[in-house]
Amino acid sequence: MKNTWFYEHLHPTLRAGYKFNKIIYSGRSSFQNIKFIETHAYGRALILDDIVQTTEVDEFIYHEMMSHIPMLSHPGPKNVLIIGGGDGGVLREVLKHPVKKATMVEIDSSVVKLCKKYLPSISRGAFNDKRANLVFADGDRFIRNSGEKYDVIIVDSSDPIGPAKILFQKPFYRNILKVLSSNGIMVRQTGSTFLQKEEINYSYKRYKEAFKYPALYLAPVPTYVGGFFSFIYGSNIINPKKITLPGLTKKYRVLKLNTKYYNPELHFASFVLPNHEKKIIGEKS
């Protein structure tokens, strides 16, 4: 199969087309349809239930912004929890920090197994790191039964459909607070700033109920339809807008972080919102 097109229908009024020359894998797990294709523009792509999740070419933007914003905002994260993230990209970035343990809870073991085989460039050996604790379980159930406290929790889930839907509901946030350390930070993705406004608004309201310092931040991720992509930061102790650039820059340099997109200046710039985004979350311009 050569020079064929795959079309993603994430939004009811739009479709995104990817020209590809090969289907690397196509099958179904116990939870979802899984596909890997070789695209012309983005390299290999992971597709779940016909929605593109990540690609080789631009994955670094999403994974770096999901990881280093909370990890560098915290004074010294040692125990980290990742919900989802089966491709291993967030785990890879988290393990660039001197953590003691990074637990990744993924509901679908097939995603991890297949990503290790067909997209090893994303995890880059992270699953084999001795600090990585890989758990195959429902993220919500894991949180409810966990007896640990986590300094940083990163929810790298798909959109609120299918098995990820419960991770966007009120009870999930209440349970997060039970396992988050007193000065802990939680970050999650909340979708396209133009095409998923309701999702952003809903998630931001949940954050305002749970955290003293909720903050929306943005990054351009070419793969995701609509251009700019949104994330929400939450903490009851650490205000992301009170962190200083000199302090953050020092930590970044001491850790010798090898990043392609993230840098300390961009860290702060990502929290500066356009007026239309402020309107979505109810902030004054």
Foldseek 3Di string as FASTA:
>chain_A
DAQDWQWAPPDVVDIDIFGFGAWPDWDAFPFWTWTWTQTDPFGIFIATNSATQDGPRQNQQVLCLLACLQCLLFPAWAEEEEEAPLLQQNLQQNVLGNHQAYEYEHQTVVSNVVSVVPVVVRNVCSCVDPRYHYHHHQPQVCLQPDPAAGQEYGYEDDPLDTSCVVCQDLVSLVSNVVRYPQFHKYKYWQFAVVRRLVSVQSSLVSQVVRAPAKAKFWDFGPSGPRGITIMIMGGNPRHSQPDDLVSSQVVCVVSVDDGDPDDSVVSNVRRDDDQSSCVSNVHHD
